[in-house]
N, C-alpha and C. Protein backbone atom coordinates (compact mmCIF):
# COMPACT_ATOMS: atom_id res chain seq x y z
N MET A 1 93.25 93.83 43.78
CA MET A 1 93.68 92.65 44.50
C MET A 1 94.78 93.06 45.48
N SER A 2 94.69 92.63 46.74
CA SER A 2 95.67 93.02 47.76
C SER A 2 96.93 92.16 47.63
N ALA A 3 97.97 92.57 48.36
CA ALA A 3 99.24 91.85 48.31
C ALA A 3 99.08 90.45 48.90
N VAL A 4 98.27 90.30 49.94
CA VAL A 4 98.05 88.99 50.56
C VAL A 4 97.32 88.07 49.60
N ALA A 5 96.35 88.58 48.89
CA ALA A 5 95.61 87.77 47.92
C ALA A 5 96.53 87.32 46.79
N ARG A 6 97.45 88.19 46.36
CA ARG A 6 98.37 87.81 45.30
C ARG A 6 99.31 86.71 45.76
N VAL A 7 99.74 86.72 47.04
CA VAL A 7 100.61 85.67 47.57
C VAL A 7 99.86 84.35 47.59
N HIS A 8 98.59 84.36 47.95
CA HIS A 8 97.81 83.13 48.01
C HIS A 8 97.53 82.54 46.62
N ASP A 9 97.66 83.35 45.59
CA ASP A 9 97.44 82.85 44.23
C ASP A 9 98.66 82.13 43.67
N ILE A 10 99.80 82.23 44.30
CA ILE A 10 101.00 81.58 43.81
C ILE A 10 100.87 80.08 44.06
N GLU A 11 101.21 79.26 43.09
CA GLU A 11 101.01 77.82 43.18
C GLU A 11 101.89 77.15 44.24
N TRP A 12 103.13 77.53 44.36
CA TRP A 12 104.04 76.87 45.30
C TRP A 12 103.65 77.12 46.74
N TYR A 13 102.92 78.18 46.99
CA TYR A 13 102.56 78.54 48.36
C TYR A 13 101.71 77.46 49.02
N ALA A 14 100.88 76.78 48.24
CA ALA A 14 100.00 75.74 48.80
C ALA A 14 100.80 74.52 49.27
N GLU A 15 101.97 74.30 48.68
CA GLU A 15 102.77 73.12 49.04
C GLU A 15 103.76 73.38 50.17
N VAL A 16 103.91 74.61 50.62
CA VAL A 16 104.85 74.92 51.70
C VAL A 16 104.24 74.48 53.02
N PRO A 17 104.96 73.64 53.78
CA PRO A 17 104.42 73.20 55.07
C PRO A 17 104.43 74.35 56.07
N ARG A 18 103.30 74.52 56.76
CA ARG A 18 103.17 75.61 57.72
C ARG A 18 102.95 75.11 59.13
N SER A 19 103.14 73.83 59.35
CA SER A 19 102.94 73.25 60.67
C SER A 19 104.26 72.71 61.21
N VAL A 20 104.47 72.88 62.51
CA VAL A 20 105.66 72.35 63.16
C VAL A 20 105.29 71.19 64.08
N TRP A 21 104.16 70.59 63.82
CA TRP A 21 103.66 69.52 64.67
C TRP A 21 104.62 68.32 64.71
N LYS A 22 105.14 67.92 63.58
CA LYS A 22 106.04 66.77 63.52
C LYS A 22 107.32 67.04 64.32
N GLN A 23 107.90 68.23 64.16
CA GLN A 23 109.13 68.56 64.88
C GLN A 23 108.88 68.64 66.38
N THR A 24 107.71 69.12 66.78
CA THR A 24 107.36 69.19 68.20
C THR A 24 107.24 67.80 68.80
N VAL A 25 106.59 66.90 68.09
CA VAL A 25 106.43 65.52 68.58
C VAL A 25 107.79 64.84 68.70
N VAL A 26 108.65 65.01 67.70
CA VAL A 26 109.98 64.40 67.75
C VAL A 26 110.78 64.96 68.92
N GLY A 27 110.72 66.24 69.17
CA GLY A 27 111.43 66.85 70.29
C GLY A 27 110.93 66.35 71.63
N VAL A 28 109.61 66.24 71.79
CA VAL A 28 109.05 65.74 73.04
C VAL A 28 109.42 64.28 73.26
N VAL A 29 109.38 63.48 72.22
CA VAL A 29 109.73 62.06 72.35
C VAL A 29 111.21 61.90 72.70
N LEU A 30 112.10 62.65 72.05
CA LEU A 30 113.52 62.56 72.36
C LEU A 30 113.82 63.02 73.78
N THR A 31 113.15 64.06 74.23
CA THR A 31 113.34 64.53 75.61
C THR A 31 112.85 63.49 76.60
N ALA A 32 111.70 62.89 76.34
CA ALA A 32 111.16 61.86 77.23
C ALA A 32 112.08 60.64 77.27
N VAL A 33 112.61 60.24 76.13
CA VAL A 33 113.52 59.09 76.09
C VAL A 33 114.80 59.40 76.86
N ALA A 34 115.35 60.61 76.69
CA ALA A 34 116.60 60.97 77.36
C ALA A 34 116.40 61.02 78.88
N PHE A 35 115.40 61.76 79.34
CA PHE A 35 115.17 61.86 80.79
C PHE A 35 114.63 60.56 81.36
N GLY A 36 113.78 59.88 80.62
CA GLY A 36 113.25 58.60 81.10
C GLY A 36 114.33 57.54 81.18
N GLY A 37 115.20 57.50 80.20
CA GLY A 37 116.29 56.53 80.22
C GLY A 37 117.25 56.79 81.36
N PHE A 38 117.64 58.05 81.55
CA PHE A 38 118.54 58.38 82.63
C PHE A 38 117.87 58.15 83.99
N GLY A 39 116.61 58.50 84.11
CA GLY A 39 115.87 58.29 85.36
C GLY A 39 115.74 56.82 85.70
N THR A 40 115.47 55.99 84.70
CA THR A 40 115.37 54.55 84.93
C THR A 40 116.72 53.99 85.36
N TRP A 41 117.78 54.40 84.70
CA TRP A 41 119.11 53.93 85.09
C TRP A 41 119.45 54.39 86.51
N ALA A 42 119.15 55.64 86.84
CA ALA A 42 119.47 56.16 88.16
C ALA A 42 118.66 55.45 89.25
N ALA A 43 117.43 55.08 88.95
CA ALA A 43 116.59 54.41 89.95
C ALA A 43 116.97 52.95 90.14
N THR A 44 117.51 52.32 89.10
CA THR A 44 117.78 50.88 89.18
C THR A 44 119.26 50.53 89.31
N ALA A 45 120.15 51.51 89.32
CA ALA A 45 121.58 51.23 89.43
C ALA A 45 121.88 50.65 90.80
N PRO A 46 122.57 49.51 90.86
CA PRO A 46 122.87 48.88 92.15
C PRO A 46 124.02 49.60 92.86
N LEU A 47 123.69 50.44 93.83
CA LEU A 47 124.72 51.20 94.54
C LEU A 47 125.53 50.30 95.46
N ALA A 48 124.97 49.18 95.90
CA ALA A 48 125.69 48.28 96.78
C ALA A 48 126.85 47.61 96.05
N ALA A 49 126.82 47.58 94.75
CA ALA A 49 127.87 46.93 93.98
C ALA A 49 128.98 47.90 93.59
N ALA A 50 128.95 49.11 94.14
CA ALA A 50 129.98 50.09 93.81
C ALA A 50 131.32 49.67 94.38
N VAL A 51 132.38 50.03 93.73
CA VAL A 51 133.72 49.67 94.17
C VAL A 51 134.18 50.67 95.22
N ILE A 52 134.56 50.18 96.37
CA ILE A 52 135.06 51.02 97.45
C ILE A 52 136.51 50.64 97.69
N SER A 53 137.39 51.61 97.66
CA SER A 53 138.81 51.31 97.87
C SER A 53 139.45 52.43 98.68
N GLN A 54 140.59 52.09 99.27
CA GLN A 54 141.33 53.09 100.01
C GLN A 54 142.33 53.74 99.09
N GLY A 55 142.69 54.96 99.42
CA GLY A 55 143.67 55.67 98.61
C GLY A 55 144.50 56.57 99.48
N SER A 56 145.54 57.09 98.90
CA SER A 56 146.39 58.02 99.63
C SER A 56 146.90 59.09 98.66
N PHE A 57 147.24 60.22 99.23
CA PHE A 57 147.75 61.33 98.44
C PHE A 57 149.18 61.62 98.89
N VAL A 58 150.10 61.64 97.96
CA VAL A 58 151.49 61.86 98.28
C VAL A 58 151.98 63.09 97.52
N ALA A 59 152.57 64.03 98.24
CA ALA A 59 153.15 65.21 97.60
C ALA A 59 154.47 64.83 96.95
N THR A 60 154.77 65.38 95.80
CA THR A 60 155.98 65.01 95.07
C THR A 60 157.18 65.86 95.46
N GLY A 61 157.00 66.83 96.34
CA GLY A 61 158.11 67.68 96.74
C GLY A 61 158.29 68.88 95.84
N ARG A 62 157.44 69.07 94.87
CA ARG A 62 157.52 70.21 93.97
C ARG A 62 156.44 71.24 94.32
N ASN A 63 156.28 71.48 95.58
CA ASN A 63 155.26 72.42 96.04
C ASN A 63 155.71 73.85 95.75
N LYS A 64 154.78 74.69 95.38
CA LYS A 64 155.08 76.08 95.09
C LYS A 64 154.42 76.96 96.15
N VAL A 65 155.14 77.98 96.58
CA VAL A 65 154.61 78.94 97.54
C VAL A 65 153.89 80.03 96.76
N VAL A 66 152.67 80.29 97.14
CA VAL A 66 151.88 81.32 96.49
C VAL A 66 151.70 82.46 97.47
N SER A 67 151.99 83.68 97.03
CA SER A 67 151.81 84.84 97.90
C SER A 67 150.91 85.85 97.21
N ILE A 68 150.24 86.62 98.02
CA ILE A 68 149.35 87.65 97.49
C ILE A 68 150.09 88.97 97.60
N SER A 69 150.23 89.69 96.49
CA SER A 69 150.99 90.92 96.50
C SER A 69 150.25 92.04 97.21
N LYS A 70 148.96 92.13 97.03
CA LYS A 70 148.17 93.17 97.69
C LYS A 70 147.03 92.49 98.43
N ALA A 71 147.07 92.55 99.74
CA ALA A 71 146.01 91.93 100.54
C ALA A 71 144.76 92.79 100.49
N ALA A 72 143.62 92.17 100.58
CA ALA A 72 142.36 92.89 100.56
C ALA A 72 142.15 93.60 101.88
N SER A 73 141.53 94.74 101.81
CA SER A 73 141.28 95.53 103.02
C SER A 73 139.86 95.28 103.48
N SER A 74 139.70 95.11 104.79
CA SER A 74 138.37 94.86 105.32
C SER A 74 137.82 96.05 106.08
N ARG A 75 138.49 97.21 106.00
CA ARG A 75 138.00 98.38 106.71
C ARG A 75 136.82 98.99 105.96
N THR A 76 136.02 99.73 106.69
CA THR A 76 134.85 100.34 106.06
C THR A 76 135.16 101.78 105.71
N CYS A 77 134.45 102.29 104.75
CA CYS A 77 134.62 103.66 104.30
C CYS A 77 133.39 104.44 104.75
N SER A 78 133.60 105.46 105.57
CA SER A 78 132.46 106.20 106.10
C SER A 78 132.38 107.58 105.46
N SER A 79 132.46 107.64 104.15
CA SER A 79 132.34 108.92 103.45
C SER A 79 130.99 108.99 102.77
N ARG A 80 130.60 110.18 102.43
CA ARG A 80 129.32 110.39 101.76
C ARG A 80 129.52 110.46 100.26
N LYS A 81 128.44 110.31 99.55
CA LYS A 81 128.50 110.34 98.10
C LYS A 81 128.98 111.71 97.64
N GLY A 82 129.95 111.72 96.73
CA GLY A 82 130.47 112.96 96.19
C GLY A 82 131.70 113.48 96.92
N THR A 83 132.05 112.89 98.05
CA THR A 83 133.22 113.33 98.81
C THR A 83 134.48 112.87 98.09
N ARG A 84 135.46 113.78 97.95
CA ARG A 84 136.71 113.41 97.32
C ARG A 84 137.62 112.78 98.36
N LEU A 85 138.16 111.63 98.03
CA LEU A 85 139.04 110.90 98.94
C LEU A 85 140.45 110.95 98.41
N PRO A 86 141.46 110.98 99.31
CA PRO A 86 142.85 110.98 98.84
C PRO A 86 143.21 109.62 98.25
N ARG A 87 144.05 109.63 97.24
CA ARG A 87 144.49 108.39 96.60
C ARG A 87 145.63 107.80 97.41
N ASP A 88 145.63 106.49 97.54
CA ASP A 88 146.73 105.81 98.21
C ASP A 88 147.84 105.61 97.18
N ARG A 89 149.02 106.11 97.49
CA ARG A 89 150.17 105.96 96.60
C ARG A 89 151.20 105.09 97.29
N HIS A 90 151.64 104.05 96.58
CA HIS A 90 152.60 103.11 97.14
C HIS A 90 153.94 103.31 96.53
């Protein structure tokens, strides 16, 4: 008797569910409800009833100056692969 045949002879094996059909249906239904609900709301939301107001921005006087310690260089490097370049020492 092979190992597979011995596994099939075990009584509990027949009661183990081997289908994921129920979980697949639940997942598809939940996804459809989520996207369908949001899509319906987005299509029917009255945009004309949105609140429009004026506003202003006021600085509080606690502005901080930000400086960059090392500026980026935009020059190109025209060396070939394997060429040793001198190190910049500051």
